[in-house]
Amino acid sequence: MFTSGDAIRAMYEAALAGDTDGFFGYVHDDLELFEPPCLPYGKTYRGKAGFAELFHAATQVLDLPTMTIESVISEGESVAAVISCNLLHTGATATILEQWTVRDGQVIWGRVYWHDPTLATGISA
């Protein structure tokens, strides 16, 4: 059985593989995603267009090829994922918790938390 956690893991793996269509296939049209205000791209994003805007901004800060999926835990529609990724500007490693709601195999809601938000100080997207 394909779980909500499997969907999140597959979404991350598609991003790492450069599979844009596969990546956005896991994004619901009504997505609402909250990025923390400490980030240069911190705000609320809505829909696939909003997620595309976020993805572009985040790749100006995060060194995506260094992303590691540390853990994915799911129960029903709820998923928590811990990832780590180096920052382009400093090389520091950010540990990030992402909280997701997955419905019918697509992300419909998300909130992002950085373990050390001071890593984003002085970075612009």
PDB file of N, CA and C in Angstrom:
ATOM      1  N   MET A   1       0.835  -1.185   0.000  1.00  0.00           N
ATOM      2  CA  MET A   1       0.000   0.000   0.000  1.00  0.00           C
ATOM      3  C   MET A   1       0.884   1.254   0.000  1.00  0.00           C
ATOM      4  N   PHE A   2       0.581   2.196  -0.869  1.00  0.00           N
ATOM      5  CA  PHE A   2       1.308   3.457  -0.996  1.00  0.00           C
ATOM      6  C   PHE A   2       0.782   4.420   0.058  1.00  0.00           C
ATOM      7  N   THR A   3       1.617   4.782   1.027  1.00  0.00           N
ATOM      8  CA  THR A   3       1.198   5.623   2.146  1.00  0.00           C
ATOM      9  C   THR A   3       1.477   7.099   1.870  1.00  0.00           C
ATOM     10  N   SER A   4       0.978   7.941   2.750  1.00  0.00           N
ATOM     11  CA  SER A   4       1.278   9.376   2.666  1.00  0.00           C
ATOM     12  C   SER A   4       2.776   9.616   2.794  1.00  0.00           C
ATOM     13  N   GLY A   5       3.430   8.858   3.660  1.00  0.00           N
ATOM     14  CA  GLY A   5       4.885   8.962   3.801  1.00  0.00           C
ATOM     15  C   GLY A   5       5.608   8.571   2.527  1.00  0.00           C
ATOM     16  N   ASP A   6       5.102   7.544   1.843  1.00  0.00           N
ATOM     17  CA  ASP A   6       5.690   7.141   0.561  1.00  0.00           C
ATOM     18  C   ASP A   6       5.579   8.273  -0.455  1.00  0.00           C
ATOM     19  N   ALA A   7       4.443   8.988  -0.448  1.00  0.00           N
ATOM     20  CA  ALA A   7       4.251  10.103  -1.382  1.00  0.00           C
ATOM     21  C   ALA A   7       5.268  11.208  -1.126  1.00  0.00           C
ATOM     22  N   ILE A   8       5.506  11.537   0.143  1.00  0.00           N
ATOM     23  CA  ILE A   8       6.478  12.585   0.472  1.00  0.00           C
ATOM     24  C   ILE A   8       7.882  12.151   0.074  1.00  0.00           C
ATOM     25  N   ARG A   9       8.243  10.920   0.398  1.00  0.00           N
ATOM     26  CA  ARG A   9       9.567  10.417   0.022  1.00  0.00           C
ATOM     27  C   ARG A   9       9.733  10.445  -1.502  1.00  0.00           C
ATOM     28  N   ALA A  10       8.709  10.026  -2.234  1.00  0.00           N
ATOM     29  CA  ALA A  10       8.772  10.028  -3.701  1.00  0.00           C
ATOM     30  C   ALA A  10       8.874  11.450  -4.250  1.00  0.00           C
ATOM     31  N   MET A  11       8.189  12.408  -3.604  1.00  0.00           N
ATOM     32  CA  MET A  11       8.270  13.805  -4.031  1.00  0.00           C
ATOM     33  C   MET A  11       9.700  14.322  -3.872  1.00  0.00           C
ATOM     34  N   TYR A  12      10.315  14.058  -2.712  1.00  0.00           N
ATOM     35  CA  TYR A  12      11.703  14.471  -2.487  1.00  0.00           C
ATOM     36  C   TYR A  12      12.640  13.813  -3.500  1.00  0.00           C
ATOM     37  N   GLU A  13      12.455  12.517  -3.720  1.00  0.00           N
ATOM     38  CA  GLU A  13      13.334  11.793  -4.643  1.00  0.00           C
ATOM     39  C   GLU A  13      13.195  12.315  -6.065  1.00  0.00           C
ATOM     40  N   ALA A  14      11.973  12.699  -6.468  1.00  0.00           N
ATOM     41  CA  ALA A  14      11.777  13.296  -7.789  1.00  0.00           C
ATOM     42  C   ALA A  14      12.526  14.621  -7.894  1.00  0.00           C
ATOM     43  N   ALA A  15      12.482  15.427  -6.830  1.00  0.00           N
ATOM     44  CA  ALA A  15      13.212  16.701  -6.831  1.00  0.00           C
ATOM     45  C   ALA A  15      14.704  16.456  -6.978  1.00  0.00           C
ATOM     46  N   LEU A  16      15.225  15.496  -6.236  1.00  0.00           N
ATOM     47  CA  LEU A  16      16.661  15.196  -6.301  1.00  0.00           C
ATOM     48  C   LEU A  16      17.075  14.668  -7.668  1.00  0.00           C
ATOM     49  N   ALA A  17      16.157  13.961  -8.337  1.00  0.00           N
ATOM     50  CA  ALA A  17      16.448  13.394  -9.658  1.00  0.00           C
ATOM     51  C   ALA A  17      16.238  14.408 -10.780  1.00  0.00           C
ATOM     52  N   GLY A  18      15.737  15.606 -10.441  1.00  0.00           N
ATOM     53  CA  GLY A  18      15.472  16.613 -11.463  1.00  0.00           C
ATOM     54  C   GLY A  18      14.210  16.328 -12.260  1.00  0.00           C
ATOM     55  N   ASP A  19      13.338  15.478 -11.732  1.00  0.00           N
ATOM     56  CA  ASP A  19      12.082  15.103 -12.390  1.00  0.00           C
ATOM     57  C   ASP A  19      10.993  16.101 -11.989  1.00  0.00           C
ATOM     58  N   THR A  20      10.950  17.216 -12.691  1.00  0.00           N
ATOM     59  CA  THR A  20      10.020  18.293 -12.353  1.00  0.00           C
ATOM     60  C   THR A  20       8.569  17.842 -12.441  1.00  0.00           C
ATOM     61  N   ASP A  21       8.216  17.124 -13.515  1.00  0.00           N
ATOM     62  CA  ASP A  21       6.834  16.665 -13.663  1.00  0.00           C
ATOM     63  C   ASP A  21       6.456  15.713 -12.534  1.00  0.00           C
ATOM     64  N   GLY A  22       7.357  14.792 -12.210  1.00  0.00           N
ATOM     65  CA  GLY A  22       7.102  13.867 -11.113  1.00  0.00           C
ATOM     66  C   GLY A  22       6.955  14.599  -9.794  1.00  0.00           C
ATOM     67  N   PHE A  23       7.834  15.565  -9.558  1.00  0.00           N
ATOM     68  CA  PHE A  23       7.804  16.359  -8.327  1.00  0.00           C
ATOM     69  C   PHE A  23       6.464  17.072  -8.175  1.00  0.00           C
ATOM     70  N   PHE A  24       6.065  17.819  -9.204  1.00  0.00           N
ATOM     71  CA  PHE A  24       4.829  18.591  -9.118  1.00  0.00           C
ATOM     72  C   PHE A  24       3.584  17.713  -9.196  1.00  0.00           C
ATOM     73  N   GLY A  25       3.743  16.464  -9.624  1.00  0.00           N
ATOM     74  CA  GLY A  25       2.624  15.525  -9.609  1.00  0.00           C
ATOM     75  C   GLY A  25       2.147  15.200  -8.206  1.00  0.00           C
ATOM     76  N   TYR A  26       2.994  15.432  -7.214  1.00  0.00           N
ATOM     77  CA  TYR A  26       2.630  15.192  -5.815  1.00  0.00           C
ATOM     78  C   TYR A  26       2.053  16.429  -5.131  1.00  0.00           C
ATOM     79  N   VAL A  27       1.884  17.514  -5.879  1.00  0.00           N
ATOM     80  CA  VAL A  27       1.391  18.776  -5.314  1.00  0.00           C
ATOM     81  C   VAL A  27      -0.071  18.982  -5.713  1.00  0.00           C
ATOM     82  N   HIS A  28      -0.927  19.119  -4.732  1.00  0.00           N
ATOM     83  CA  HIS A  28      -2.355  19.350  -4.962  1.00  0.00           C
ATOM     84  C   HIS A  28      -2.570  20.779  -5.457  1.00  0.00           C
ATOM     85  N   ASP A  29      -3.563  20.954  -6.308  1.00  0.00           N
ATOM     86  CA  ASP A  29      -3.876  22.289  -6.833  1.00  0.00           C
ATOM     87  C   ASP A  29      -4.207  23.288  -5.722  1.00  0.00           C
ATOM     88  N   ASP A  30      -4.732  22.795  -4.603  1.00  0.00           N
ATOM     89  CA  ASP A  30      -5.140  23.669  -3.499  1.00  0.00           C
ATOM     90  C   ASP A  30      -4.124  23.702  -2.361  1.00  0.00           C
ATOM     91  N   LEU A  31      -2.884  23.374  -2.650  1.00  0.00           N
ATOM     92  CA  LEU A  31      -1.834  23.372  -1.624  1.00  0.00           C
ATOM     93  C   LEU A  31      -1.763  24.715  -0.897  1.00  0.00           C
ATOM     94  N   GLU A  32      -1.536  24.636   0.410  1.00  0.00           N
ATOM     95  CA  GLU A  32      -1.212  25.810   1.223  1.00  0.00           C
ATOM     96  C   GLU A  32       0.033  25.442   2.017  1.00  0.00           C
ATOM     97  N   LEU A  33       1.114  26.200   1.826  1.00  0.00           N
ATOM     98  CA  LEU A  33       2.404  25.879   2.439  1.00  0.00           C
ATOM     99  C   LEU A  33       2.967  27.114   3.129  1.00  0.00           C
ATOM    100  N   PHE A  34       3.356  26.932   4.390  1.00  0.00           N
ATOM    101  CA  PHE A  34       3.879  28.023   5.211  1.00  0.00           C
ATOM    102  C   PHE A  34       5.383  27.857   5.390  1.00  0.00           C
ATOM    103  N   GLU A  35       6.156  28.815   4.891  1.00  0.00           N
ATOM    104  CA  GLU A  35       7.604  28.852   5.097  1.00  0.00           C
ATOM    105  C   GLU A  35       7.883  29.874   6.194  1.00  0.00           C
ATOM    106  N   PRO A  36       8.843  29.610   7.081  1.00  0.00           N
ATOM    107  CA  PRO A  36       9.069  30.503   8.219  1.00  0.00           C
ATOM    108  C   PRO A  36       9.553  31.893   7.795  1.00  0.00           C
ATOM    109  N   PRO A  37       9.119  32.928   8.520  1.00  0.00           N
ATOM    110  CA  PRO A  37       9.484  34.298   8.166  1.00  0.00           C
ATOM    111  C   PRO A  37      10.975  34.599   8.292  1.00  0.00           C
ATOM    112  N   CYS A  38      11.740  33.741   8.967  1.00  0.00           N
ATOM    113  CA  CYS A  38      13.184  33.971   9.087  1.00  0.00           C
ATOM    114  C   CYS A  38      13.908  33.723   7.766  1.00  0.00           C
ATOM    115  N   LEU A  39      13.252  33.056   6.829  1.00  0.00           N
ATOM    116  CA  LEU A  39      13.885  32.757   5.545  1.00  0.00           C
ATOM    117  C   LEU A  39      13.670  33.897   4.562  1.00  0.00           C
ATOM    118  N   PRO A  40      14.598  34.080   3.625  1.00  0.00           N
ATOM    119  CA  PRO A  40      14.428  35.158   2.646  1.00  0.00           C
ATOM    120  C   PRO A  40      13.204  34.942   1.755  1.00  0.00           C
ATOM    121  N   TYR A  41      12.721  33.718   1.688  1.00  0.00           N
ATOM    122  CA  TYR A  41      11.526  33.406   0.905  1.00  0.00           C
ATOM    123  C   TYR A  41      10.366  32.987   1.819  1.00  0.00           C
ATOM    124  N   GLY A  42      10.449  33.382   3.101  1.00  0.00           N
ATOM    125  CA  GLY A  42       9.436  32.993   4.074  1.00  0.00           C
ATOM    126  C   GLY A  42       8.120  33.719   3.863  1.00  0.00           C
ATOM    127  N   LYS A  43       7.088  32.971   3.588  1.00  0.00           N
ATOM    128  CA  LYS A  43       5.723  33.474   3.445  1.00  0.00           C
ATOM    129  C   LYS A  43       4.814  32.275   3.195  1.00  0.00           C
ATOM    130  N   THR A  44       3.551  32.532   2.934  1.00  0.00           N
ATOM    131  CA  THR A  44       2.601  31.477   2.612  1.00  0.00           C
ATOM    132  C   THR A  44       2.498  31.345   1.096  1.00  0.00           C
ATOM    133  N   TYR A  45       2.574  30.110   0.621  1.00  0.00           N
ATOM    134  CA  TYR A  45       2.473  29.814  -0.807  1.00  0.00           C
ATOM    135  C   TYR A  45       1.209  29.002  -1.044  1.00  0.00           C
ATOM    136  N   ARG A  46       0.546  29.266  -2.164  1.00  0.00           N
ATOM    137  CA  ARG A  46      -0.699  28.559  -2.465  1.00  0.00           C
ATOM    138  C   ARG A  46      -0.673  28.005  -3.886  1.00  0.00           C
ATOM    139  N   GLY A  47      -1.163  26.773  -4.021  1.00  0.00           N
ATOM    140  CA  GLY A  47      -1.308  26.138  -5.320  1.00  0.00           C
ATOM    141  C   GLY A  47       0.019  25.728  -5.937  1.00  0.00           C
ATOM    142  N   LYS A  48      -0.085  25.124  -7.113  1.00  0.00           N
ATOM    143  CA  LYS A  48       1.122  24.671  -7.812  1.00  0.00           C
ATOM    144  C   LYS A  48       1.992  25.846  -8.245  1.00  0.00           C
ATOM    145  N   ALA A  49       1.356  26.949  -8.646  1.00  0.00           N
ATOM    146  CA  ALA A  49       2.134  28.128  -9.051  1.00  0.00           C
ATOM    147  C   ALA A  49       2.914  28.680  -7.862  1.00  0.00           C
ATOM    148  N   GLY A  50       2.288  28.716  -6.705  1.00  0.00           N
ATOM    149  CA  GLY A  50       2.984  29.164  -5.500  1.00  0.00           C
ATOM    150  C   GLY A  50       4.123  28.241  -5.131  1.00  0.00           C
ATOM    151  N   PHE A  51       3.889  26.939  -5.277  1.00  0.00           N
ATOM    152  CA  PHE A  51       4.935  25.977  -4.950  1.00  0.00           C
ATOM    153  C   PHE A  51       6.105  26.102  -5.924  1.00  0.00           C
ATOM    154  N   ALA A  52       5.806  26.381  -7.194  1.00  0.00           N
ATOM    155  CA  ALA A  52       6.869  26.594  -8.183  1.00  0.00           C
ATOM    156  C   ALA A  52       7.689  27.833  -7.820  1.00  0.00           C
ATOM    157  N   GLU A  53       7.013  28.896  -7.368  1.00  0.00           N
ATOM    158  CA  GLU A  53       7.709  30.111  -6.919  1.00  0.00           C
ATOM    159  C   GLU A  53       8.624  29.792  -5.737  1.00  0.00           C
ATOM    160  N   LEU A  54       8.096  29.049  -4.773  1.00  0.00           N
ATOM    161  CA  LEU A  54       8.888  28.651  -3.608  1.00  0.00           C
ATOM    162  C   LEU A  54      10.083  27.807  -4.025  1.00  0.00           C
ATOM    163  N   PHE A  55       9.871  26.831  -4.875  1.00  0.00           N
ATOM    164  CA  PHE A  55      10.948  25.932  -5.283  1.00  0.00           C
ATOM    165  C   PHE A  55      12.081  26.726  -5.929  1.00  0.00           C
ATOM    166  N   HIS A  56      11.724  27.676  -6.792  1.00  0.00           N
ATOM    167  CA  HIS A  56      12.750  28.508  -7.432  1.00  0.00           C
ATOM    168  C   HIS A  56      13.517  29.321  -6.389  1.00  0.00           C
ATOM    169  N   ALA A  57      12.801  29.947  -5.464  1.00  0.00           N
ATOM    170  CA  ALA A  57      13.455  30.762  -4.430  1.00  0.00           C
ATOM    171  C   ALA A  57      14.332  29.902  -3.529  1.00  0.00           C
ATOM    172  N   ALA A  58      13.843  28.735  -3.143  1.00  0.00           N
ATOM    173  CA  ALA A  58      14.604  27.862  -2.241  1.00  0.00           C
ATOM    174  C   ALA A  58      15.888  27.365  -2.894  1.00  0.00           C
ATOM    175  N   THR A  59      15.856  27.129  -4.200  1.00  0.00           N
ATOM    176  CA  THR A  59      17.067  26.643  -4.872  1.00  0.00           C
ATOM    177  C   THR A  59      18.110  27.737  -5.050  1.00  0.00           C
ATOM    178  N   GLN A  60      17.764  28.974  -4.701  1.00  0.00           N
ATOM    179  CA  GLN A  60      18.753  30.051  -4.678  1.00  0.00           C
ATOM    180  C   GLN A  60      19.487  30.085  -3.340  1.00  0.00           C
ATOM    181  N   VAL A  61      18.965  29.342  -2.355  1.00  0.00           N
ATOM    182  CA  VAL A  61      19.520  29.311  -1.000  1.00  0.00           C
ATOM    183  C   VAL A  61      20.076  27.931  -0.655  1.00  0.00           C
ATOM    184  N   LEU A  62      19.326  26.887  -1.022  1.00  0.00           N
ATOM    185  CA  LEU A  62      19.695  25.511  -0.674  1.00  0.00           C
ATOM    186  C   LEU A  62      20.463  24.840  -1.804  1.00  0.00           C
ATOM    187  N   ASP A  63      21.492  24.106  -1.456  1.00  0.00           N
ATOM    188  CA  ASP A  63      22.261  23.319  -2.425  1.00  0.00           C
ATOM    189  C   ASP A  63      21.554  21.972  -2.569  1.00  0.00           C
ATOM    190  N   LEU A  64      20.514  21.952  -3.408  1.00  0.00           N
ATOM    191  CA  LEU A  64      19.606  20.814  -3.495  1.00  0.00           C
ATOM    192  C   LEU A  64      20.296  19.460  -3.681  1.00  0.00           C
ATOM    193  N   PRO A  65      21.344  19.346  -4.494  1.00  0.00           N
ATOM    194  CA  PRO A  65      21.984  18.029  -4.630  1.00  0.00           C
ATOM    195  C   PRO A  65      22.558  17.466  -3.326  1.00  0.00           C
ATOM    196  N   THR A  66      22.733  18.314  -2.305  1.00  0.00           N
ATOM    197  CA  THR A  66      23.255  17.820  -1.022  1.00  0.00           C
ATOM    198  C   THR A  66      22.138  17.387  -0.071  1.00  0.00           C
ATOM    199  N   MET A  67      20.887  17.506  -0.514  1.00  0.00           N
ATOM    200  CA  MET A  67      19.770  17.165   0.362  1.00  0.00           C
ATOM    201  C   MET A  67      19.791  15.683   0.716  1.00  0.00           C
ATOM    202  N   THR A  68      19.588  15.419   1.999  1.00  0.00           N
ATOM    203  CA  THR A  68      19.487  14.057   2.506  1.00  0.00           C
ATOM    204  C   THR A  68      18.153  13.917   3.221  1.00  0.00           C
ATOM    205  N   ILE A  69      17.445  12.843   2.917  1.00  0.00           N
ATOM    206  CA  ILE A  69      16.203  12.537   3.616  1.00  0.00           C
ATOM    207  C   ILE A  69      16.591  11.753   4.859  1.00  0.00           C
ATOM    208  N   GLU A  70      16.492  12.390   6.015  1.00  0.00           N
ATOM    209  CA  GLU A  70      16.898  11.756   7.273  1.00  0.00           C
ATOM    210  C   GLU A  70      15.835  10.782   7.771  1.00  0.00           C
ATOM    211  N   SER A  71      14.569  11.215   7.752  1.00  0.00           N
ATOM    212  CA  SER A  71      13.482  10.329   8.179  1.00  0.00           C
ATOM    213  C   SER A  71      12.150  10.849   7.664  1.00  0.00           C
ATOM    214  N   VAL A  72      11.232   9.921   7.469  1.00  0.00           N
ATOM    215  CA  VAL A  72       9.862  10.240   7.082  1.00  0.00           C
ATOM    216  C   VAL A  72       8.954   9.378   7.958  1.00  0.00           C
ATOM    217  N   ILE A  73       8.089  10.030   8.712  1.00  0.00           N
ATOM    218  CA  ILE A  73       7.180   9.331   9.618  1.00  0.00           C
ATOM    219  C   ILE A  73       5.761   9.738   9.236  1.00  0.00           C
ATOM    220  N   SER A  74       4.878   8.740   9.085  1.00  0.00           N
ATOM    221  CA  SER A  74       3.515   9.081   8.691  1.00  0.00           C
ATOM    222  C   SER A  74       2.489   8.270   9.468  1.00  0.00           C
ATOM    223  N   GLU A  75       1.332   8.887   9.602  1.00  0.00           N
ATOM    224  CA  GLU A  75       0.162   8.228  10.169  1.00  0.00           C
ATOM    225  C   GLU A  75      -1.050   8.815   9.470  1.00  0.00           C
ATOM    226  N   GLY A  76      -1.749   7.998   8.720  1.00  0.00           N
ATOM    227  CA  GLY A  76      -2.883   8.493   7.948  1.00  0.00           C
ATOM    228  C   GLY A  76      -2.421   9.540   6.947  1.00  0.00           C
ATOM    229  N   GLU A  77      -3.077  10.699   6.964  1.00  0.00           N
ATOM    230  CA  GLU A  77      -2.724  11.787   6.043  1.00  0.00           C
ATOM    231  C   GLU A  77      -1.571  12.644   6.546  1.00  0.00           C
ATOM    232  N   SER A  78      -1.162  12.474   7.793  1.00  0.00           N
ATOM    233  CA  SER A  78      -0.136  13.326   8.410  1.00  0.00           C
ATOM    234  C   SER A  78       1.255  12.742   8.225  1.00  0.00           C
ATOM    235  N   VAL A  79       2.187  13.613   7.838  1.00  0.00           N
ATOM    236  CA  VAL A  79       3.573  13.196   7.611  1.00  0.00           C
ATOM    237  C   VAL A  79       4.509  14.221   8.239  1.00  0.00           C
ATOM    238  N   ALA A  80       5.562  13.731   8.869  1.00  0.00           N
ATOM    239  CA  ALA A  80       6.656  14.581   9.342  1.00  0.00           C
ATOM    240  C   ALA A  80       7.929  14.054   8.694  1.00  0.00           C
ATOM    241  N   ALA A  81       8.677  14.942   8.077  1.00  0.00           N
ATOM    242  CA  ALA A  81       9.914  14.547   7.415  1.00  0.00           C
ATOM    243  C   ALA A  81      11.047  15.432   7.909  1.00  0.00           C
ATOM    244  N   VAL A  82      12.184  14.816   8.184  1.00  0.00           N
ATOM    245  CA  VAL A  82      13.386  15.551   8.550  1.00  0.00           C
ATOM    246  C   VAL A  82      14.354  15.414   7.388  1.00  0.00           C
ATOM    247  N   ILE A  83      14.793  16.558   6.885  1.00  0.00           N
ATOM    248  CA  ILE A  83      15.778  16.571   5.807  1.00  0.00           C
ATOM    249  C   ILE A  83      16.943  17.452   6.242  1.00  0.00           C
ATOM    250  N   SER A  84      18.071  17.259   5.589  1.00  0.00           N
ATOM    251  CA  SER A  84      19.198  18.170   5.791  1.00  0.00           C
ATOM    252  C   SER A  84      19.704  18.575   4.420  1.00  0.00           C
ATOM    253  N   CYS A  85      20.255  19.774   4.363  1.00  0.00           N
ATOM    254  CA  CYS A  85      20.718  20.306   3.089  1.00  0.00           C
ATOM    255  C   CYS A  85      21.738  21.412   3.365  1.00  0.00           C
ATOM    256  N   ASN A  86      22.775  21.462   2.557  1.00  0.00           N
ATOM    257  CA  ASN A  86      23.762  22.531   2.697  1.00  0.00           C
ATOM    258  C   ASN A  86      23.220  23.824   2.094  1.00  0.00           C
ATOM    259  N   LEU A  87      23.690  24.941   2.627  1.00  0.00           N
ATOM    260  CA  LEU A  87      23.332  26.249   2.094  1.00  0.00           C
ATOM    261  C   LEU A  87      24.360  26.656   1.051  1.00  0.00           C
ATOM    262  N   LEU A  88      23.886  27.224  -0.045  1.00  0.00           N
ATOM    263  CA  LEU A  88      24.784  27.631  -1.124  1.00  0.00           C
ATOM    264  C   LEU A  88      25.776  28.695  -0.679  1.00  0.00           C
ATOM    265  N   HIS A  89      25.340  29.658   0.120  1.00  0.00           N
ATOM    266  CA  HIS A  89      26.159  30.823   0.449  1.00  0.00           C
ATOM    267  C   HIS A  89      27.229  30.562   1.498  1.00  0.00           C
ATOM    268  N   THR A  90      26.975  29.585   2.377  1.00  0.00           N
ATOM    269  CA  THR A  90      27.911  29.361   3.484  1.00  0.00           C
ATOM    270  C   THR A  90      28.428  27.935   3.575  1.00  0.00           C
ATOM    271  N   GLY A  91      27.734  26.997   2.951  1.00  0.00           N
ATOM    272  CA  GLY A  91      28.107  25.590   3.075  1.00  0.00           C
ATOM    273  C   GLY A  91      27.619  24.955   4.362  1.00  0.00           C
ATOM    274  N   ALA A  92      27.039  25.755   5.267  1.00  0.00           N
ATOM    275  CA  ALA A  92      26.498  25.212   6.516  1.00  0.00           C
ATOM    276  C   ALA A  92      25.361  24.247   6.192  1.00  0.00           C
ATOM    277  N   THR A  93      25.151  23.288   7.072  1.00  0.00           N
ATOM    278  CA  THR A  93      24.085  22.314   6.874  1.00  0.00           C
ATOM    279  C   THR A  93      22.864  22.703   7.697  1.00  0.00           C
ATOM    280  N   ALA A  94      21.739  22.846   7.019  1.00  0.00           N
ATOM    281  CA  ALA A  94      20.470  23.146   7.682  1.00  0.00           C
ATOM    282  C   ALA A  94      19.719  21.842   7.917  1.00  0.00           C
ATOM    283  N   THR A  95      19.206  21.677   9.129  1.00  0.00           N
ATOM    284  CA  THR A  95      18.315  20.567   9.443  1.00  0.00           C
ATOM    285  C   THR A  95      16.903  21.130   9.456  1.00  0.00           C
ATOM    286  N   ILE A  96      16.035  20.519   8.667  1.00  0.00           N
ATOM    287  CA  ILE A  96      14.710  21.073   8.413  1.00  0.00           C
ATOM    288  C   ILE A  96      13.648  20.012   8.693  1.00  0.00           C
ATOM    289  N   LEU A  97      12.627  20.397   9.448  1.00  0.00           N
ATOM    290  CA  LEU A  97      11.469  19.539   9.671  1.00  0.00           C
ATOM    291  C   LEU A  97      10.339  20.065   8.802  1.00  0.00           C
ATOM    292  N   GLU A  98       9.728  19.178   8.052  1.00  0.00           N
ATOM    293  CA  GLU A  98       8.596  19.560   7.222  1.00  0.00           C
ATOM    294  C   GLU A  98       7.385  18.733   7.644  1.00  0.00           C
ATOM    295  N   GLN A  99       6.319  19.429   7.962  1.00  0.00           N
ATOM    296  CA  GLN A  99       5.069  18.807   8.387  1.00  0.00           C
ATOM    297  C   GLN A  99       4.105  18.882   7.203  1.00  0.00           C
ATOM    298  N   TRP A 100       3.508  17.748   6.825  1.00  0.00           N
ATOM    299  CA  TRP A 100       2.680  17.678   5.627  1.00  0.00           C
ATOM    300  C   TRP A 100       1.329  17.035   5.917  1.00  0.00           C
ATOM    301  N   THR A 101       0.337  17.422   5.136  1.00  0.00           N
ATOM    302  CA  THR A 101      -0.914  16.680   5.022  1.00  0.00           C
ATOM    303  C   THR A 101      -1.007  16.227   3.577  1.00  0.00           C
ATOM    304  N   VAL A 102      -1.168  14.921   3.392  1.00  0.00           N
ATOM    305  CA  VAL A 102      -1.234  14.326   2.053  1.00  0.00           C
ATOM    306  C   VAL A 102      -2.625  13.730   1.874  1.00  0.00           C
ATOM    307  N   ARG A 103      -3.280  14.123   0.813  1.00  0.00           N
ATOM    308  CA  ARG A 103      -4.615  13.610   0.514  1.00  0.00           C
ATOM    309  C   ARG A 103      -4.603  13.006  -0.884  1.00  0.00           C
ATOM    310  N   ASP A 104      -5.008  11.760  -0.977  1.00  0.00           N
ATOM    311  CA  ASP A 104      -5.050  11.049  -2.263  1.00  0.00           C
ATOM    312  C   ASP A 104      -3.710  11.135  -2.993  1.00  0.00           C
ATOM    313  N   GLY A 105      -2.622  11.001  -2.242  1.00  0.00           N
ATOM    314  CA  GLY A 105      -1.289  10.963  -2.833  1.00  0.00           C
ATOM    315  C   GLY A 105      -0.692  12.312  -3.184  1.00  0.00           C
ATOM    316  N   GLN A 106      -1.371  13.408  -2.814  1.00  0.00           N
ATOM    317  CA  GLN A 106      -0.859  14.747  -3.120  1.00  0.00           C
ATOM    318  C   GLN A 106      -0.796  15.601  -1.855  1.00  0.00           C
ATOM    319  N   VAL A 107       0.222  16.443  -1.796  1.00  0.00           N
ATOM    320  CA  VAL A 107       0.398  17.357  -0.669  1.00  0.00           C
ATOM    321  C   VAL A 107      -0.634  18.471  -0.776  1.00  0.00           C
ATOM    322  N   ILE A 108      -1.416  18.651   0.292  1.00  0.00           N
ATOM    323  CA  ILE A 108      -2.423  19.714   0.288  1.00  0.00           C
ATOM    324  C   ILE A 108      -2.109  20.802   1.317  1.00  0.00           C
ATOM    325  N   TRP A 109      -1.258  20.472   2.299  1.00  0.00           N
ATOM    326  CA  TRP A 109      -0.915  21.443   3.340  1.00  0.00           C
ATOM    327  C   TRP A 109       0.489  21.136   3.844  1.00  0.00           C
ATOM    328  N   GLY A 110       1.231  22.196   4.175  1.00  0.00           N
ATOM    329  CA  GLY A 110       2.562  21.984   4.737  1.00  0.00           C
ATOM    330  C   GLY A 110       3.041  23.159   5.567  1.00  0.00           C
ATOM    331  N   ARG A 111       3.924  22.850   6.504  1.00  0.00           N
ATOM    332  CA  ARG A 111       4.581  23.874   7.323  1.00  0.00           C
ATOM    333  C   ARG A 111       6.027  23.438   7.505  1.00  0.00           C
ATOM    334  N   VAL A 112       6.950  24.395   7.367  1.00  0.00           N
ATOM    335  CA  VAL A 112       8.386  24.112   7.418  1.00  0.00           C
ATOM    336  C   VAL A 112       8.993  24.756   8.657  1.00  0.00           C
ATOM    337  N   TYR A 113       9.891  24.015   9.318  1.00  0.00           N
ATOM    338  CA  TYR A 113      10.596  24.496  10.512  1.00  0.00           C
ATOM    339  C   TYR A 113      12.093  24.255  10.324  1.00  0.00           C
ATOM    340  N   TRP A 114      12.909  25.249  10.613  1.00  0.00           N
ATOM    341  CA  TRP A 114      14.363  25.080  10.594  1.00  0.00           C
ATOM    342  C   TRP A 114      14.852  24.885  12.020  1.00  0.00           C
ATOM    343  N   HIS A 115      15.706  23.894  12.232  1.00  0.00           N
ATOM    344  CA  HIS A 115      16.275  23.654  13.557  1.00  0.00           C
ATOM    345  C   HIS A 115      17.054  24.880  14.042  1.00  0.00           C
ATOM    346  N   ASP A 116      17.866  25.462  13.160  1.00  0.00           N
ATOM    347  CA  ASP A 116      18.655  26.648  13.515  1.00  0.00           C
ATOM    348  C   ASP A 116      18.337  27.766  12.523  1.00  0.00           C
ATOM    349  N   PRO A 117      17.307  28.566  12.787  1.00  0.00           N
ATOM    350  CA  PRO A 117      16.929  29.613  11.845  1.00  0.00           C
ATOM    351  C   PRO A 117      17.987  30.693  11.668  1.00  0.00           C
ATOM    352  N   THR A 118      18.965  30.777  12.576  1.00  0.00           N
ATOM    353  CA  THR A 118      20.010  31.797  12.418  1.00  0.00           C
ATOM    354  C   THR A 118      20.890  31.510  11.205  1.00  0.00           C
ATOM    355  N   LEU A 119      20.856  30.281  10.690  1.00  0.00           N
ATOM    356  CA  LEU A 119      21.640  29.971   9.490  1.00  0.00           C
ATOM    357  C   LEU A 119      21.194  30.805   8.297  1.00  0.00           C
ATOM    358  N   ALA A 120      19.940  31.244   8.301  1.00  0.00           N
ATOM    359  CA  ALA A 120      19.399  32.020   7.185  1.00  0.00           C
ATOM    360  C   ALA A 120      19.682  33.511   7.310  1.00  0.00           C
ATOM    361  N   THR A 121      20.275  33.946   8.410  1.00  0.00           N
ATOM    362  CA  THR A 121      20.554  35.364   8.628  1.00  0.00           C
ATOM    363  C   THR A 121      21.479  35.900   7.536  1.00  0.00           C
ATOM    364  N   GLY A 122      21.053  36.981   6.913  1.00  0.00           N
ATOM    365  CA  GLY A 122      21.883  37.636   5.910  1.00  0.00           C
ATOM    366  C   GLY A 122      21.829  37.013   4.530  1.00  0.00           C
ATOM    367  N   ILE A 123      21.033  35.968   4.347  1.00  0.00           N
ATOM    368  CA  ILE A 123      20.915  35.322   3.035  1.00  0.00           C
ATOM    369  C   ILE A 123      19.743  35.946   2.297  1.00  0.00           C
ATOM    370  N   SER A 124      19.922  36.199   1.019  1.00  0.00           N
ATOM    371  CA  SER A 124      18.808  36.680   0.206  1.00  0.00           C
ATOM    372  C   SER A 124      18.572  35.696  -0.922  1.00  0.00           C
ATOM    373  N   ALA A 125      17.313  35.557  -1.283  1.00  0.00           N
ATOM    374  CA  ALA A 125      16.951  34.612  -2.354  1.00  0.00           C
ATOM    375  C   ALA A 125      17.026  35.296  -3.694  1.00  0.00           C
TER     376      ALA A 125
END
